[in-house]
Amino acid sequence: MVRVPLIVLLASLPLTATALIVAVVSGPTTPLVWTLWALWGITAIGGACVYLIARKRSRI
């Protein structure tokens, strides 16, 4: 199982909170909400990839 550091999860919290607030205020299917969720996904996946690459390089 891949362990993702807490910093990666914390980095995506502001986008998650913003998306949830906008979803509650304007409805869950607005384009802004989808954009925020996409940014959250990119942040989380990108952060995990950077972490895994750095971890792999440190072993060499």
N, C-alpha and C. Protein backbone atom coordinates (compact mmCIF):
# COMPACT_ATOMS: atom_id res chain seq x y z
N MET A 1 0.84 -1.19 0.00
CA MET A 1 0.00 0.00 0.00
C MET A 1 0.88 1.25 0.00
N VAL A 2 0.50 2.22 -0.80
CA VAL A 2 1.27 3.46 -0.92
C VAL A 2 0.88 4.39 0.22
N ARG A 3 1.88 4.91 0.90
CA ARG A 3 1.63 5.86 1.99
C ARG A 3 1.90 7.26 1.47
N VAL A 4 0.88 8.07 1.50
CA VAL A 4 1.01 9.46 1.06
C VAL A 4 1.18 10.32 2.31
N PRO A 5 2.20 11.19 2.30
CA PRO A 5 2.44 11.99 3.50
C PRO A 5 1.30 12.96 3.78
N LEU A 6 1.20 13.33 5.03
CA LEU A 6 0.15 14.23 5.48
C LEU A 6 0.19 15.57 4.76
N ILE A 7 1.38 16.04 4.39
CA ILE A 7 1.51 17.35 3.72
C ILE A 7 0.76 17.37 2.38
N VAL A 8 0.74 16.24 1.68
CA VAL A 8 0.02 16.18 0.40
C VAL A 8 -1.48 16.32 0.64
N LEU A 9 -1.97 15.65 1.67
CA LEU A 9 -3.39 15.75 1.99
C LEU A 9 -3.76 17.15 2.48
N LEU A 10 -2.89 17.74 3.29
CA LEU A 10 -3.16 19.09 3.79
C LEU A 10 -3.13 20.12 2.68
N ALA A 11 -2.30 19.90 1.66
CA ALA A 11 -2.23 20.85 0.55
C ALA A 11 -3.53 20.92 -0.23
N SER A 12 -4.28 19.82 -0.24
CA SER A 12 -5.52 19.81 -1.00
C SER A 12 -6.74 20.22 -0.17
N LEU A 13 -6.57 20.45 1.13
CA LEU A 13 -7.70 20.82 1.98
C LEU A 13 -8.37 22.15 1.61
N PRO A 14 -7.60 23.21 1.29
CA PRO A 14 -8.29 24.46 0.92
C PRO A 14 -9.20 24.31 -0.30
N LEU A 15 -8.75 23.57 -1.31
CA LEU A 15 -9.60 23.35 -2.48
C LEU A 15 -10.81 22.50 -2.13
N THR A 16 -10.63 21.54 -1.27
CA THR A 16 -11.76 20.70 -0.84
C THR A 16 -12.79 21.54 -0.11
N ALA A 17 -12.33 22.35 0.83
CA ALA A 17 -13.25 23.20 1.59
C ALA A 17 -13.99 24.17 0.68
N THR A 18 -13.25 24.79 -0.24
CA THR A 18 -13.88 25.74 -1.17
C THR A 18 -14.92 25.04 -2.03
N ALA A 19 -14.59 23.88 -2.54
CA ALA A 19 -15.54 23.15 -3.39
C ALA A 19 -16.78 22.76 -2.61
N LEU A 20 -16.62 22.33 -1.37
CA LEU A 20 -17.78 21.95 -0.57
C LEU A 20 -18.67 23.15 -0.27
N ILE A 21 -18.06 24.29 0.04
CA ILE A 21 -18.85 25.49 0.33
C ILE A 21 -19.62 25.94 -0.91
N VAL A 22 -18.92 25.96 -2.06
CA VAL A 22 -19.59 26.38 -3.29
C VAL A 22 -20.69 25.38 -3.66
N ALA A 23 -20.45 24.09 -3.45
CA ALA A 23 -21.47 23.08 -3.76
C ALA A 23 -22.71 23.27 -2.91
N VAL A 24 -22.53 23.61 -1.64
CA VAL A 24 -23.67 23.81 -0.75
C VAL A 24 -24.43 25.08 -1.14
N VAL A 25 -23.69 26.15 -1.49
CA VAL A 25 -24.32 27.43 -1.79
C VAL A 25 -25.00 27.43 -3.15
N SER A 26 -24.32 26.90 -4.17
CA SER A 26 -24.85 27.05 -5.53
C SER A 26 -25.34 25.76 -6.16
N GLY A 27 -25.26 24.67 -5.47
CA GLY A 27 -25.70 23.40 -6.03
C GLY A 27 -24.51 22.58 -6.50
N PRO A 28 -24.61 21.26 -6.40
CA PRO A 28 -23.46 20.39 -6.64
C PRO A 28 -23.05 20.20 -8.10
N THR A 29 -23.86 20.67 -9.05
CA THR A 29 -23.54 20.39 -10.45
C THR A 29 -23.13 21.63 -11.25
N THR A 30 -22.80 22.72 -10.57
CA THR A 30 -22.39 23.91 -11.30
C THR A 30 -20.98 23.74 -11.85
N PRO A 31 -20.66 24.41 -12.95
CA PRO A 31 -19.32 24.29 -13.55
C PRO A 31 -18.19 24.67 -12.59
N LEU A 32 -18.44 25.65 -11.72
CA LEU A 32 -17.40 26.06 -10.77
C LEU A 32 -17.05 24.92 -9.83
N VAL A 33 -18.06 24.18 -9.38
CA VAL A 33 -17.80 23.05 -8.48
C VAL A 33 -16.99 21.98 -9.19
N TRP A 34 -17.34 21.69 -10.44
CA TRP A 34 -16.59 20.68 -11.20
C TRP A 34 -15.15 21.12 -11.40
N THR A 35 -14.95 22.41 -11.65
CA THR A 35 -13.59 22.93 -11.81
C THR A 35 -12.80 22.79 -10.52
N LEU A 36 -13.41 23.12 -9.39
CA LEU A 36 -12.73 23.00 -8.11
C LEU A 36 -12.39 21.54 -7.79
N TRP A 37 -13.32 20.62 -8.09
CA TRP A 37 -13.02 19.21 -7.84
C TRP A 37 -11.89 18.74 -8.75
N ALA A 38 -11.85 19.22 -9.99
CA ALA A 38 -10.77 18.84 -10.90
C ALA A 38 -9.43 19.36 -10.38
N LEU A 39 -9.41 20.60 -9.91
CA LEU A 39 -8.18 21.15 -9.33
C LEU A 39 -7.74 20.37 -8.10
N TRP A 40 -8.71 19.95 -7.29
CA TRP A 40 -8.39 19.15 -6.12
C TRP A 40 -7.76 17.83 -6.53
N GLY A 41 -8.33 17.21 -7.52
CA GLY A 41 -7.79 15.93 -8.00
C GLY A 41 -6.38 16.08 -8.54
N ILE A 42 -6.15 17.14 -9.31
CA ILE A 42 -4.82 17.39 -9.87
C ILE A 42 -3.82 17.64 -8.73
N THR A 43 -4.23 18.41 -7.74
CA THR A 43 -3.35 18.69 -6.60
C THR A 43 -3.00 17.41 -5.84
N ALA A 44 -4.00 16.61 -5.56
CA ALA A 44 -3.77 15.38 -4.79
C ALA A 44 -2.92 14.38 -5.57
N ILE A 45 -3.26 14.16 -6.83
CA ILE A 45 -2.52 13.20 -7.65
C ILE A 45 -1.11 13.71 -7.93
N GLY A 46 -1.00 14.99 -8.26
CA GLY A 46 0.31 15.57 -8.52
C GLY A 46 1.22 15.53 -7.30
N GLY A 47 0.67 15.85 -6.15
CA GLY A 47 1.45 15.80 -4.92
C GLY A 47 1.92 14.39 -4.61
N ALA A 48 1.04 13.42 -4.81
CA ALA A 48 1.42 12.03 -4.57
C ALA A 48 2.51 11.58 -5.54
N CYS A 49 2.42 11.99 -6.80
CA CYS A 49 3.44 11.63 -7.79
C CYS A 49 4.79 12.24 -7.44
N VAL A 50 4.79 13.51 -7.07
CA VAL A 50 6.04 14.16 -6.68
C VAL A 50 6.66 13.45 -5.48
N TYR A 51 5.83 13.09 -4.52
CA TYR A 51 6.32 12.38 -3.34
C TYR A 51 6.93 11.03 -3.73
N LEU A 52 6.24 10.28 -4.58
CA LEU A 52 6.75 8.96 -4.96
C LEU A 52 8.03 9.06 -5.77
N ILE A 53 8.13 10.05 -6.66
CA ILE A 53 9.36 10.24 -7.43
C ILE A 53 10.52 10.62 -6.52
N ALA A 54 10.27 11.52 -5.59
CA ALA A 54 11.32 11.92 -4.65
C ALA A 54 11.75 10.74 -3.78
N ARG A 55 10.81 9.95 -3.39
CA ARG A 55 11.11 8.78 -2.56
C ARG A 55 11.93 7.76 -3.35
N LYS A 56 11.57 7.57 -4.61
CA LYS A 56 12.30 6.62 -5.45
C LYS A 56 13.73 7.09 -5.68
N ARG A 57 13.91 8.37 -5.93
CA ARG A 57 15.25 8.91 -6.16
C ARG A 57 16.12 8.85 -4.92
N SER A 58 15.52 8.99 -3.76
CA SER A 58 16.32 8.97 -2.53
C SER A 58 16.86 7.57 -2.22
N ARG A 59 16.26 6.55 -2.79
CA ARG A 59 16.73 5.18 -2.57
C ARG A 59 17.97 4.86 -3.41
N ILE A 60 18.14 5.57 -4.51
CA ILE A 60 19.25 5.26 -5.43
C ILE A 60 20.56 5.74 -4.84
